[in-house]
């Protein structure tokens, strides 16, 4: 189960953690998964989708650039790919994962699994 169903008050004090340390842990990587960003996703959005993506903020440390063909390359730091993959997949054929290779492979695996449903 992925939700809190009950809580218990403890008799010991909460541990105080410096805000910088919390920010470093929870905001350096994409999405809800904390921890350091160990990878950089390179996503290429086709010209049709690029005009909207260029104005979106997926992550505070993202970078982006327009390519000569009118497409847009968005680079996003991440640690765990699960939430990022969901956000990529919603763009369907309007986006290509350029790297890293394991992220491309994860997308291909998901697409193959989807194809099995529609056979």
PDB file of N, CA and C in Angstrom:
ATOM      1  N   UNK A   1       0.844  -1.167   0.000  1.00  0.00           N
ATOM      2  CA  UNK A   1       0.000   0.000   0.000  1.00  0.00           C
ATOM      3  C   UNK A   1       0.896   1.239   0.000  1.00  0.00           C
ATOM      4  N   UNK A   2       0.524   2.256  -0.764  1.00  0.00           N
ATOM      5  CA  UNK A   2       1.357   3.432  -0.909  1.00  0.00           C
ATOM      6  C   UNK A   2       0.726   4.685  -0.326  1.00  0.00           C
ATOM      7  N   UNK A   3       0.086   4.508   0.822  1.00  0.00           N
ATOM      8  CA  UNK A   3      -0.497   5.659   1.482  1.00  0.00           C
ATOM      9  C   UNK A   3      -0.433   5.456   2.987  1.00  0.00           C
ATOM     10  N   UNK A   4      -0.504   6.524   3.719  1.00  0.00           N
ATOM     11  CA  UNK A   4      -0.492   6.446   5.175  1.00  0.00           C
ATOM     12  C   UNK A   4      -1.901   6.090   5.626  1.00  0.00           C
ATOM     13  N   UNK A   5      -2.021   5.019   6.402  1.00  0.00           N
ATOM     14  CA  UNK A   5      -3.334   4.609   6.890  1.00  0.00           C
ATOM     15  C   UNK A   5      -3.489   4.848   8.390  1.00  0.00           C
ATOM     16  N   UNK A   6      -2.372   5.077   9.086  1.00  0.00           N
ATOM     17  CA  UNK A   6      -2.442   5.428  10.503  1.00  0.00           C
ATOM     18  C   UNK A   6      -1.132   6.089  10.906  1.00  0.00           C
ATOM     19  N   UNK A   7      -1.165   6.757  12.036  1.00  0.00           N
ATOM     20  CA  UNK A   7       0.028   7.425  12.550  1.00  0.00           C
ATOM     21  C   UNK A   7       0.104   7.215  14.055  1.00  0.00           C
ATOM     22  N   UNK A   8       1.317   7.169  14.569  1.00  0.00           N
ATOM     23  CA  UNK A   8       1.539   6.995  15.994  1.00  0.00           C
ATOM     24  C   UNK A   8       2.502   8.070  16.468  1.00  0.00           C
ATOM     25  N   UNK A   9       2.159   8.728  17.540  1.00  0.00           N
ATOM     26  CA  UNK A   9       3.036   9.751  18.108  1.00  0.00           C
ATOM     27  C   UNK A   9       4.117   9.051  18.918  1.00  0.00           C
ATOM     28  N   UNK A  10       5.360   9.433  18.676  1.00  0.00           N
ATOM     29  CA  UNK A  10       6.485   8.861  19.398  1.00  0.00           C
ATOM     30  C   UNK A  10       6.911   9.794  20.521  1.00  0.00           C
ATOM     31  N   UNK A  11       7.581   9.257  21.501  1.00  0.00           N
ATOM     32  CA  UNK A  11       8.036  10.053  22.634  1.00  0.00           C
ATOM     33  C   UNK A  11       9.426  10.639  22.424  1.00  0.00           C
ATOM     34  N   UNK A  12       9.997  10.460  21.249  1.00  0.00           N
ATOM     35  CA  UNK A  12      11.313  11.041  21.015  1.00  0.00           C
ATOM     36  C   UNK A  12      11.200  12.213  20.042  1.00  0.00           C
ATOM     37  N   UNK A  13      12.136  13.130  20.163  1.00  0.00           N
ATOM     38  CA  UNK A  13      12.125  14.350  19.355  1.00  0.00           C
ATOM     39  C   UNK A  13      12.448  14.038  17.897  1.00  0.00           C
ATOM     40  N   UNK A  14      11.884  14.835  17.027  1.00  0.00           N
ATOM     41  CA  UNK A  14      12.181  14.712  15.597  1.00  0.00           C
ATOM     42  C   UNK A  14      13.608  15.173  15.342  1.00  0.00           C
ATOM     43  N   UNK A  15      14.210  14.593  14.355  1.00  0.00           N
ATOM     44  CA  UNK A  15      15.564  14.982  13.977  1.00  0.00           C
ATOM     45  C   UNK A  15      15.496  16.246  13.126  1.00  0.00           C
ATOM     46  N   UNK A  16      16.284  17.243  13.453  1.00  0.00           N
ATOM     47  CA  UNK A  16      16.330  18.502  12.709  1.00  0.00           C
ATOM     48  C   UNK A  16      17.326  18.329  11.561  1.00  0.00           C
ATOM     49  N   UNK A  17      16.854  18.611  10.350  1.00  0.00           N
ATOM     50  CA  UNK A  17      17.704  18.490   9.163  1.00  0.00           C
ATOM     51  C   UNK A  17      17.763  19.854   8.486  1.00  0.00           C
ATOM     52  N   UNK A  18      18.957  20.267   8.138  1.00  0.00           N
ATOM     53  CA  UNK A  18      19.191  21.547   7.483  1.00  0.00           C
ATOM     54  C   UNK A  18      18.409  21.634   6.169  1.00  0.00           C
ATOM     55  N   UNK A  19      17.790  22.782   5.909  1.00  0.00           N
ATOM     56  CA  UNK A  19      16.984  22.968   4.709  1.00  0.00           C
ATOM     57  C   UNK A  19      17.784  22.728   3.424  1.00  0.00           C
ATOM     58  N   UNK A  20      19.035  23.164   3.399  1.00  0.00           N
ATOM     59  CA  UNK A  20      19.875  22.937   2.213  1.00  0.00           C
ATOM     60  C   UNK A  20      20.041  21.446   1.945  1.00  0.00           C
ATOM     61  N   UNK A  21      20.231  20.688   3.016  1.00  0.00           N
ATOM     62  CA  UNK A  21      20.381  19.241   2.882  1.00  0.00           C
ATOM     63  C   UNK A  21      19.088  18.612   2.357  1.00  0.00           C
ATOM     64  N   UNK A  22      17.952  19.067   2.847  1.00  0.00           N
ATOM     65  CA  UNK A  22      16.660  18.571   2.359  1.00  0.00           C
ATOM     66  C   UNK A  22      16.455  18.924   0.887  1.00  0.00           C
ATOM     67  N   UNK A  23      16.742  20.177   0.533  1.00  0.00           N
ATOM     68  CA  UNK A  23      16.591  20.599  -0.856  1.00  0.00           C
ATOM     69  C   UNK A  23      17.486  19.792  -1.779  1.00  0.00           C
ATOM     70  N   UNK A  24      18.715  19.570  -1.333  1.00  0.00           N
ATOM     71  CA  UNK A  24      19.658  18.797  -2.133  1.00  0.00           C
ATOM     72  C   UNK A  24      19.130  17.386  -2.384  1.00  0.00           C
ATOM     73  N   UNK A  25      18.532  16.797  -1.368  1.00  0.00           N
ATOM     74  CA  UNK A  25      18.022  15.438  -1.482  1.00  0.00           C
ATOM     75  C   UNK A  25      16.750  15.362  -2.311  1.00  0.00           C
ATOM     76  N   UNK A  26      15.829  16.301  -2.102  1.00  0.00           N
ATOM     77  CA  UNK A  26      14.512  16.187  -2.715  1.00  0.00           C
ATOM     78  C   UNK A  26      14.328  16.961  -4.005  1.00  0.00           C
ATOM     79  N   UNK A  27      15.183  17.922  -4.316  1.00  0.00           N
ATOM     80  CA  UNK A  27      14.954  18.711  -5.530  1.00  0.00           C
ATOM     81  C   UNK A  27      16.033  18.554  -6.593  1.00  0.00           C
ATOM     82  N   UNK A  28      17.085  17.821  -6.314  1.00  0.00           N
ATOM     83  CA  UNK A  28      18.127  17.701  -7.329  1.00  0.00           C
ATOM     84  C   UNK A  28      17.718  16.759  -8.451  1.00  0.00           C
ATOM     85  N   UNK A  29      16.792  15.857  -8.176  1.00  0.00           N
ATOM     86  CA  UNK A  29      16.378  14.858  -9.145  1.00  0.00           C
ATOM     87  C   UNK A  29      14.936  15.088  -9.560  1.00  0.00           C
ATOM     88  N   UNK A  30      14.540  14.546 -10.687  1.00  0.00           N
ATOM     89  CA  UNK A  30      13.200  14.743 -11.229  1.00  0.00           C
ATOM     90  C   UNK A  30      12.141  14.013 -10.427  1.00  0.00           C
ATOM     91  N   UNK A  31      11.032  14.681 -10.198  1.00  0.00           N
ATOM     92  CA  UNK A  31       9.838  14.031  -9.678  1.00  0.00           C
ATOM     93  C   UNK A  31       9.831  13.769  -8.191  1.00  0.00           C
ATOM     94  N   UNK A  32       9.004  12.808  -7.803  1.00  0.00           N
ATOM     95  CA  UNK A  32       8.760  12.526  -6.392  1.00  0.00           C
ATOM     96  C   UNK A  32       9.857  11.707  -5.735  1.00  0.00           C
ATOM     97  N   UNK A  33      10.733  11.114  -6.518  1.00  0.00           N
ATOM     98  CA  UNK A  33      11.773  10.254  -5.958  1.00  0.00           C
ATOM     99  C   UNK A  33      12.954  11.100  -5.525  1.00  0.00           C
ATOM    100  N   UNK A  34      13.275  11.050  -4.241  1.00  0.00           N
ATOM    101  CA  UNK A  34      14.382  11.830  -3.706  1.00  0.00           C
ATOM    102  C   UNK A  34      15.717  11.201  -4.039  1.00  0.00           C
ATOM    103  N   UNK A  35      16.746  11.899  -3.682  1.00  0.00           N
ATOM    104  CA  UNK A  35      18.098  11.414  -3.912  1.00  0.00           C
ATOM    105  C   UNK A  35      18.780  12.207  -5.001  1.00  0.00           C
ATOM    106  N   UNK A  36      20.045  11.956  -5.166  1.00  0.00           N
ATOM    107  CA  UNK A  36      20.812  12.723  -6.153  1.00  0.00           C
ATOM    108  C   UNK A  36      20.424  12.360  -7.584  1.00  0.00           C
ATOM    109  N   UNK A  37      20.570  13.329  -8.460  1.00  0.00           N
ATOM    110  CA  UNK A  37      20.362  13.091  -9.891  1.00  0.00           C
ATOM    111  C   UNK A  37      21.638  12.448 -10.428  1.00  0.00           C
ATOM    112  N   UNK A  38      21.530  11.201 -10.834  1.00  0.00           N
ATOM    113  CA  UNK A  38      22.692  10.470 -11.330  1.00  0.00           C
ATOM    114  C   UNK A  38      22.722  10.371 -12.852  1.00  0.00           C
ATOM    115  N   UNK A  39      21.656  10.829 -13.494  1.00  0.00           N
ATOM    116  CA  UNK A  39      21.540  10.708 -14.949  1.00  0.00           C
ATOM    117  C   UNK A  39      20.994  12.006 -15.532  1.00  0.00           C
ATOM    118  N   UNK A  40      21.148  12.170 -16.825  1.00  0.00           N
ATOM    119  CA  UNK A  40      20.601  13.309 -17.538  1.00  0.00           C
ATOM    120  C   UNK A  40      19.814  12.792 -18.732  1.00  0.00           C
ATOM    121  N   UNK A  41      18.502  12.992 -18.705  1.00  0.00           N
ATOM    122  CA  UNK A  41      17.658  12.582 -19.834  1.00  0.00           C
ATOM    123  C   UNK A  41      17.771  13.631 -20.933  1.00  0.00           C
ATOM    124  N   UNK A  42      17.983  13.161 -22.155  1.00  0.00           N
ATOM    125  CA  UNK A  42      17.978  14.041 -23.331  1.00  0.00           C
ATOM    126  C   UNK A  42      16.768  13.660 -24.165  1.00  0.00           C
ATOM    127  N   UNK A  43      15.832  14.576 -24.273  1.00  0.00           N
ATOM    128  CA  UNK A  43      14.581  14.326 -24.973  1.00  0.00           C
ATOM    129  C   UNK A  43      14.480  15.273 -26.165  1.00  0.00           C
ATOM    130  N   UNK A  44      14.081  14.720 -27.306  1.00  0.00           N
ATOM    131  CA  UNK A  44      13.911  15.537 -28.511  1.00  0.00           C
ATOM    132  C   UNK A  44      12.436  15.557 -28.879  1.00  0.00           C
ATOM    133  N   UNK A  45      11.839  16.737 -28.795  1.00  0.00           N
ATOM    134  CA  UNK A  45      10.432  16.923 -29.132  1.00  0.00           C
ATOM    135  C   UNK A  45      10.321  17.449 -30.556  1.00  0.00           C
ATOM    136  N   UNK A  46       9.397  16.869 -31.318  1.00  0.00           N
ATOM    137  CA  UNK A  46       9.234  17.289 -32.704  1.00  0.00           C
ATOM    138  C   UNK A  46       8.729  18.734 -32.764  1.00  0.00           C
ATOM    139  N   UNK A  47       8.858  19.383 -33.933  1.00  0.00           N
ATOM    140  CA  UNK A  47       8.466  20.794 -34.036  1.00  0.00           C
ATOM    141  C   UNK A  47       7.023  21.073 -33.609  1.00  0.00           C
ATOM    142  N   UNK A  48       6.123  20.141 -33.861  1.00  0.00           N
ATOM    143  CA  UNK A  48       4.726  20.334 -33.473  1.00  0.00           C
ATOM    144  C   UNK A  48       4.575  20.494 -31.965  1.00  0.00           C
ATOM    145  N   UNK A  49       5.258  19.674 -31.191  1.00  0.00           N
ATOM    146  CA  UNK A  49       5.148  19.709 -29.729  1.00  0.00           C
ATOM    147  C   UNK A  49       6.132  20.697 -29.112  1.00  0.00           C
ATOM    148  N   UNK A  50       7.219  20.998 -29.815  1.00  0.00           N
ATOM    149  CA  UNK A  50       8.304  21.815 -29.273  1.00  0.00           C
ATOM    150  C   UNK A  50       7.850  23.188 -28.816  1.00  0.00           C
ATOM    151  N   UNK A  51       6.914  23.777 -29.523  1.00  0.00           N
ATOM    152  CA  UNK A  51       6.506  25.152 -29.181  1.00  0.00           C
ATOM    153  C   UNK A  51       5.888  25.238 -27.792  1.00  0.00           C
ATOM    154  N   UNK A  52       5.308  24.145 -27.302  1.00  0.00           N
ATOM    155  CA  UNK A  52       4.763  24.142 -25.941  1.00  0.00           C
ATOM    156  C   UNK A  52       5.806  23.700 -24.924  1.00  0.00           C
ATOM    157  N   UNK A  53       6.578  22.695 -25.268  1.00  0.00           N
ATOM    158  CA  UNK A  53       7.583  22.149 -24.346  1.00  0.00           C
ATOM    159  C   UNK A  53       8.628  23.198 -23.986  1.00  0.00           C
ATOM    160  N   UNK A  54       8.991  24.032 -24.942  1.00  0.00           N
ATOM    161  CA  UNK A  54      10.026  25.042 -24.700  1.00  0.00           C
ATOM    162  C   UNK A  54       9.640  25.998 -23.573  1.00  0.00           C
ATOM    163  N   UNK A  55       8.349  26.159 -23.320  1.00  0.00           N
ATOM    164  CA  UNK A  55       7.886  27.071 -22.268  1.00  0.00           C
ATOM    165  C   UNK A  55       7.577  26.374 -20.947  1.00  0.00           C
ATOM    166  N   UNK A  56       7.711  25.061 -20.900  1.00  0.00           N
ATOM    167  CA  UNK A  56       7.390  24.317 -19.683  1.00  0.00           C
ATOM    168  C   UNK A  56       8.618  24.138 -18.801  1.00  0.00           C
ATOM    169  N   UNK A  57       8.378  24.089 -17.494  1.00  0.00           N
ATOM    170  CA  UNK A  57       9.460  23.759 -16.572  1.00  0.00           C
ATOM    171  C   UNK A  57       9.172  22.393 -15.967  1.00  0.00           C
ATOM    172  N   UNK A  58       9.976  21.426 -16.349  1.00  0.00           N
ATOM    173  CA  UNK A  58       9.867  20.075 -15.803  1.00  0.00           C
ATOM    174  C   UNK A  58      10.712  19.952 -14.537  1.00  0.00           C
ATOM    175  N   UNK A  59      11.804  20.699 -14.498  1.00  0.00           N
ATOM    176  CA  UNK A  59      12.744  20.626 -13.375  1.00  0.00           C
ATOM    177  C   UNK A  59      13.508  21.948 -13.300  1.00  0.00           C
ATOM    178  N   UNK A  60      13.820  22.437 -12.078  1.00  0.00           N
ATOM    179  CA  UNK A  60      14.534  23.718 -11.958  1.00  0.00           C
ATOM    180  C   UNK A  60      15.903  23.731 -12.642  1.00  0.00           C
ATOM    181  N   UNK A  61      16.544  22.575 -12.768  1.00  0.00           N
ATOM    182  CA  UNK A  61      17.886  22.524 -13.368  1.00  0.00           C
ATOM    183  C   UNK A  61      17.879  22.005 -14.803  1.00  0.00           C
ATOM    184  N   UNK A  62      16.731  22.027 -15.446  1.00  0.00           N
ATOM    185  CA  UNK A  62      16.665  21.570 -16.834  1.00  0.00           C
ATOM    186  C   UNK A  62      17.370  22.554 -17.755  1.00  0.00           C
ATOM    187  N   UNK A  63      17.779  22.062 -18.905  1.00  0.00           N
ATOM    188  CA  UNK A  63      18.293  22.921 -19.961  1.00  0.00           C
ATOM    189  C   UNK A  63      17.559  22.546 -21.240  1.00  0.00           C
ATOM    190  N   UNK A  64      17.503  23.474 -22.150  1.00  0.00           N
ATOM    191  CA  UNK A  64      16.843  23.200 -23.413  1.00  0.00           C
ATOM    192  C   UNK A  64      17.432  24.042 -24.514  1.00  0.00           C
ATOM    193  N   UNK A  65      17.239  23.555 -25.740  1.00  0.00           N
ATOM    194  CA  UNK A  65      17.731  24.322 -26.883  1.00  0.00           C
ATOM    195  C   UNK A  65      16.928  23.954 -28.119  1.00  0.00           C
ATOM    196  N   UNK A  66      16.774  24.961 -28.975  1.00  0.00           N
ATOM    197  CA  UNK A  66      16.112  24.743 -30.254  1.00  0.00           C
ATOM    198  C   UNK A  66      17.106  24.114 -31.221  1.00  0.00           C
ATOM    199  N   UNK A  67      16.651  23.170 -32.009  1.00  0.00           N
ATOM    200  CA  UNK A  67      17.483  22.525 -33.017  1.00  0.00           C
ATOM    201  C   UNK A  67      17.126  23.089 -34.392  1.00  0.00           C
ATOM    202  N   UNK A  68      18.026  22.912 -35.333  1.00  0.00           N
ATOM    203  CA  UNK A  68      17.861  23.517 -36.660  1.00  0.00           C
ATOM    204  C   UNK A  68      16.582  23.093 -37.367  1.00  0.00           C
ATOM    205  N   UNK A  69      16.097  21.885 -37.106  1.00  0.00           N
ATOM    206  CA  UNK A  69      14.897  21.394 -37.785  1.00  0.00           C
ATOM    207  C   UNK A  69      13.602  21.849 -37.114  1.00  0.00           C
ATOM    208  N   UNK A  70      13.699  22.731 -36.098  1.00  0.00           N
ATOM    209  CA  UNK A  70      12.519  23.229 -35.401  1.00  0.00           C
ATOM    210  C   UNK A  70      12.113  22.391 -34.203  1.00  0.00           C
ATOM    211  N   UNK A  71      12.835  21.309 -33.966  1.00  0.00           N
ATOM    212  CA  UNK A  71      12.558  20.488 -32.785  1.00  0.00           C
ATOM    213  C   UNK A  71      13.249  21.117 -31.575  1.00  0.00           C
ATOM    214  N   UNK A  72      12.952  20.572 -30.407  1.00  0.00           N
ATOM    215  CA  UNK A  72      13.483  21.131 -29.171  1.00  0.00           C
ATOM    216  C   UNK A  72      14.083  20.017 -28.334  1.00  0.00           C
ATOM    217  N   UNK A  73      15.312  20.213 -27.891  1.00  0.00           N
ATOM    218  CA  UNK A  73      15.967  19.239 -27.024  1.00  0.00           C
ATOM    219  C   UNK A  73      15.868  19.718 -25.582  1.00  0.00           C
ATOM    220  N   UNK A  74      15.299  18.857 -24.737  1.00  0.00           N
ATOM    221  CA  UNK A  74      15.140  19.151 -23.318  1.00  0.00           C
ATOM    222  C   UNK A  74      15.994  18.167 -22.532  1.00  0.00           C
ATOM    223  N   UNK A  75      16.820  18.669 -21.623  1.00  0.00           N
ATOM    224  CA  UNK A  75      17.678  17.824 -20.792  1.00  0.00           C
ATOM    225  C   UNK A  75      17.245  17.977 -19.334  1.00  0.00           C
ATOM    226  N   UNK A  76      17.005  16.830 -18.702  1.00  0.00           N
ATOM    227  CA  UNK A  76      16.449  16.815 -17.351  1.00  0.00           C
ATOM    228  C   UNK A  76      17.266  15.891 -16.454  1.00  0.00           C
ATOM    229  N   UNK A  77      17.752  16.384 -15.303  1.00  0.00           N
ATOM    230  CA  UNK A  77      18.462  15.520 -14.363  1.00  0.00           C
ATOM    231  C   UNK A  77      17.475  14.606 -13.634  1.00  0.00           C
ATOM    232  N   UNK A  78      17.870  13.342 -13.452  1.00  0.00           N
ATOM    233  CA  UNK A  78      16.993  12.417 -12.730  1.00  0.00           C
ATOM    234  C   UNK A  78      17.806  11.331 -12.063  1.00  0.00           C
ATOM    235  N   UNK A  79      17.190  10.707 -11.066  1.00  0.00           N
ATOM    236  CA  UNK A  79      17.785   9.559 -10.396  1.00  0.00           C
ATOM    237  C   UNK A  79      16.984   8.316 -10.751  1.00  0.00           C
ATOM    238  N   UNK A  80      15.745   8.276 -10.326  1.00  0.00           N
ATOM    239  CA  UNK A  80      14.834   7.167 -10.612  1.00  0.00           C
ATOM    240  C   UNK A  80      14.008   7.547 -11.838  1.00  0.00           C
ATOM    241  N   UNK A  81      13.912   6.660 -12.804  1.00  0.00           N
ATOM    242  CA  UNK A  81      13.278   7.012 -14.076  1.00  0.00           C
ATOM    243  C   UNK A  81      11.764   6.816 -14.123  1.00  0.00           C
ATOM    244  N   UNK A  82      11.145   6.229 -13.112  1.00  0.00           N
ATOM    245  CA  UNK A  82       9.738   5.827 -13.214  1.00  0.00           C
ATOM    246  C   UNK A  82       8.775   6.991 -13.470  1.00  0.00           C
ATOM    247  N   UNK A  83       8.830   8.045 -12.690  1.00  0.00           N
ATOM    248  CA  UNK A  83       7.913   9.166 -12.915  1.00  0.00           C
ATOM    249  C   UNK A  83       8.250   9.892 -14.211  1.00  0.00           C
ATOM    250  N   UNK A  84       9.527  10.048 -14.486  1.00  0.00           N
ATOM    251  CA  UNK A  84       9.947  10.689 -15.727  1.00  0.00           C
ATOM    252  C   UNK A  84       9.417   9.920 -16.932  1.00  0.00           C
ATOM    253  N   UNK A  85       9.489   8.604 -16.878  1.00  0.00           N
ATOM    254  CA  UNK A  85       9.005   7.784 -17.989  1.00  0.00           C
ATOM    255  C   UNK A  85       7.513   8.027 -18.239  1.00  0.00           C
ATOM    256  N   UNK A  86       6.726   8.123 -17.186  1.00  0.00           N
ATOM    257  CA  UNK A  86       5.290   8.393 -17.359  1.00  0.00           C
ATOM    258  C   UNK A  86       5.077   9.733 -18.063  1.00  0.00           C
ATOM    259  N   UNK A  87       5.845  10.737 -17.677  1.00  0.00           N
ATOM    260  CA  UNK A  87       5.690  12.058 -18.285  1.00  0.00           C
ATOM    261  C   UNK A  87       6.177  12.077 -19.732  1.00  0.00           C
ATOM    262  N   UNK A  88       7.182  11.305 -20.035  1.00  0.00           N
ATOM    263  CA  UNK A  88       7.660  11.199 -21.424  1.00  0.00           C
ATOM    264  C   UNK A  88       6.616  10.490 -22.282  1.00  0.00           C
ATOM    265  N   UNK A  89       6.116   9.366 -21.785  1.00  0.00           N
ATOM    266  CA  UNK A  89       5.202   8.539 -22.572  1.00  0.00           C
ATOM    267  C   UNK A  89       3.911   9.266 -22.938  1.00  0.00           C
ATOM    268  N   UNK A  90       3.486  10.222 -22.147  1.00  0.00           N
ATOM    269  CA  UNK A  90       2.243  10.927 -22.467  1.00  0.00           C
ATOM    270  C   UNK A  90       2.377  11.760 -23.740  1.00  0.00           C
ATOM    271  N   UNK A  91       3.604  11.987 -24.195  1.00  0.00           N
ATOM    272  CA  UNK A  91       3.826  12.742 -25.428  1.00  0.00           C
ATOM    273  C   UNK A  91       3.901  11.833 -26.659  1.00  0.00           C
ATOM    274  N   UNK A  92       3.825  10.532 -26.439  1.00  0.00           N
ATOM    275  CA  UNK A  92       3.746   9.567 -27.530  1.00  0.00           C
ATOM    276  C   UNK A  92       4.814   9.758 -28.601  1.00  0.00           C
ATOM    277  N   UNK A  93       4.382   9.787 -29.846  1.00  0.00           N
ATOM    278  CA  UNK A  93       5.322   9.872 -30.968  1.00  0.00           C
ATOM    279  C   UNK A  93       5.869  11.281 -31.192  1.00  0.00           C
ATOM    280  N   UNK A  94       5.518  12.217 -30.335  1.00  0.00           N
ATOM    281  CA  UNK A  94       6.037  13.583 -30.454  1.00  0.00           C
ATOM    282  C   UNK A  94       7.375  13.776 -29.749  1.00  0.00           C
ATOM    283  N   UNK A  95       7.865  12.717 -29.092  1.00  0.00           N
ATOM    284  CA  UNK A  95       9.135  12.827 -28.372  1.00  0.00           C
ATOM    285  C   UNK A  95       9.986  11.585 -28.628  1.00  0.00           C
ATOM    286  N   UNK A  96      11.286  11.809 -28.687  1.00  0.00           N
ATOM    287  CA  UNK A  96      12.246  10.706 -28.781  1.00  0.00           C
ATOM    288  C   UNK A  96      13.233  10.848 -27.634  1.00  0.00           C
ATOM    289  N   UNK A  97      13.484   9.745 -26.953  1.00  0.00           N
ATOM    290  CA  UNK A  97      14.507   9.739 -25.910  1.00  0.00           C
ATOM    291  C   UNK A  97      15.851   9.549 -26.598  1.00  0.00           C
ATOM    292  N   UNK A  98      16.700  10.536 -26.503  1.00  0.00           N
ATOM    293  CA  UNK A  98      18.032  10.466 -27.109  1.00  0.00           C
ATOM    294  C   UNK A  98      18.987   9.716 -26.175  1.00  0.00           C
ATOM    295  N   UNK A  99      18.858   9.914 -24.898  1.00  0.00           N
ATOM    296  CA  UNK A  99      19.716   9.238 -23.943  1.00  0.00           C
ATOM    297  C   UNK A  99      19.227   9.471 -22.534  1.00  0.00           C
ATOM    298  N   UNK A 100      19.746   8.725 -21.604  1.00  0.00           N
ATOM    299  CA  UNK A 100      20.706   7.630 -21.749  1.00  0.00           C
ATOM    300  C   UNK A 100      20.051   6.375 -22.344  1.00  0.00           C
ATOM    301  N   UNK A 101      20.884   5.479 -22.782  1.00  0.00           N
ATOM    302  CA  UNK A 101      20.415   4.284 -23.480  1.00  0.00           C
ATOM    303  C   UNK A 101      19.458   3.450 -22.638  1.00  0.00           C
ATOM    304  N   UNK A 102      19.707   3.321 -21.338  1.00  0.00           N
ATOM    305  CA  UNK A 102      18.809   2.505 -20.517  1.00  0.00           C
ATOM    306  C   UNK A 102      17.403   3.105 -20.456  1.00  0.00           C
ATOM    307  N   UNK A 103      17.290   4.426 -20.588  1.00  0.00           N
ATOM    308  CA  UNK A 103      15.980   5.065 -20.604  1.00  0.00           C
ATOM    309  C   UNK A 103      15.272   4.778 -21.928  1.00  0.00           C
ATOM    310  N   UNK A 104      16.020   4.805 -23.029  1.00  0.00           N
ATOM    311  CA  UNK A 104      15.462   4.417 -24.339  1.00  0.00           C
ATOM    312  C   UNK A 104      14.967   2.974 -24.285  1.00  0.00           C
ATOM    313  N   UNK A 105      15.772   2.100 -23.696  1.00  0.00           N
ATOM    314  CA  UNK A 105      15.396   0.681 -23.583  1.00  0.00           C
ATOM    315  C   UNK A 105      14.135   0.513 -22.749  1.00  0.00           C
ATOM    316  N   UNK A 106      14.016   1.262 -21.665  1.00  0.00           N
ATOM    317  CA  UNK A 106      12.821   1.183 -20.819  1.00  0.00           C
ATOM    318  C   UNK A 106      11.584   1.619 -21.600  1.00  0.00           C
ATOM    319  N   UNK A 107      11.726   2.656 -22.429  1.00  0.00           N
ATOM    320  CA  UNK A 107      10.602   3.105 -23.257  1.00  0.00           C
ATOM    321  C   UNK A 107      10.235   2.040 -24.279  1.00  0.00           C
ATOM    322  N   UNK A 108      11.227   1.446 -24.916  1.00  0.00           N
ATOM    323  CA  UNK A 108      10.946   0.396 -25.905  1.00  0.00           C
ATOM    324  C   UNK A 108      10.263  -0.803 -25.255  1.00  0.00           C
ATOM    325  N   UNK A 109      10.677  -1.156 -24.066  1.00  0.00           N
ATOM    326  CA  UNK A 109      10.055  -2.265 -23.347  1.00  0.00           C
ATOM    327  C   UNK A 109       8.587  -1.951 -23.038  1.00  0.00           C
ATOM    328  N   UNK A 110       8.318  -0.732 -22.627  1.00  0.00           N
ATOM    329  CA  UNK A 110       6.942  -0.317 -22.335  1.00  0.00           C
ATOM    330  C   UNK A 110       6.088  -0.322 -23.601  1.00  0.00           C
ATOM    331  N   UNK A 111       6.647   0.169 -24.684  1.00  0.00           N
ATOM    332  CA  UNK A 111       5.911   0.196 -25.959  1.00  0.00           C
ATOM    333  C   UNK A 111       5.602  -1.220 -26.434  1.00  0.00           C
ATOM    334  N   UNK A 112       6.558  -2.124 -26.294  1.00  0.00           N
ATOM    335  CA  UNK A 112       6.309  -3.533 -26.662  1.00  0.00           C
ATOM    336  C   UNK A 112       5.186  -4.131 -25.812  1.00  0.00           C
ATOM    337  N   UNK A 113       5.197  -3.839 -24.519  1.00  0.00           N
ATOM    338  CA  UNK A 113       4.152  -4.342 -23.633  1.00  0.00           C
ATOM    339  C   UNK A 113       2.792  -3.769 -24.025  1.00  0.00           C
ATOM    340  N   UNK A 114       2.763  -2.516 -24.423  1.00  0.00           N
ATOM    341  CA  UNK A 114       1.507  -1.905 -24.870  1.00  0.00           C
ATOM    342  C   UNK A 114       1.007  -2.563 -26.149  1.00  0.00           C
ATOM    343  N   UNK A 115       1.924  -2.869 -27.062  1.00  0.00           N
ATOM    344  CA  UNK A 115       1.539  -3.519 -28.316  1.00  0.00           C
ATOM    345  C   UNK A 115       0.889  -4.879 -28.059  1.00  0.00           C
ATOM    346  N   UNK A 116       1.364  -5.582 -27.047  1.00  0.00           N
ATOM    347  CA  UNK A 116       0.784  -6.888 -26.720  1.00  0.00           C
ATOM    348  C   UNK A 116      -0.684  -6.777 -26.332  1.00  0.00           C
ATOM    349  N   UNK A 117      -1.066  -5.693 -25.730  1.00  0.00           N
ATOM    350  CA  UNK A 117      -2.456  -5.474 -25.328  1.00  0.00           C
ATOM    351  C   UNK A 117      -3.359  -5.338 -26.562  1.00  0.00           C
ATOM    352  N   UNK A 118      -2.841  -4.738 -27.632  1.00  0.00           N
ATOM    353  CA  UNK A 118      -3.664  -4.420 -28.790  1.00  0.00           C
ATOM    354  C   UNK A 118      -3.526  -5.405 -29.947  1.00  0.00           C
ATOM    355  N   UNK A 119      -2.967  -6.566 -29.699  1.00  0.00           N
ATOM    356  CA  UNK A 119      -2.855  -7.583 -30.750  1.00  0.00           C
ATOM    357  C   UNK A 119      -4.165  -8.270 -30.964  1.00  0.00           C
TER     358      UNK A 119
END
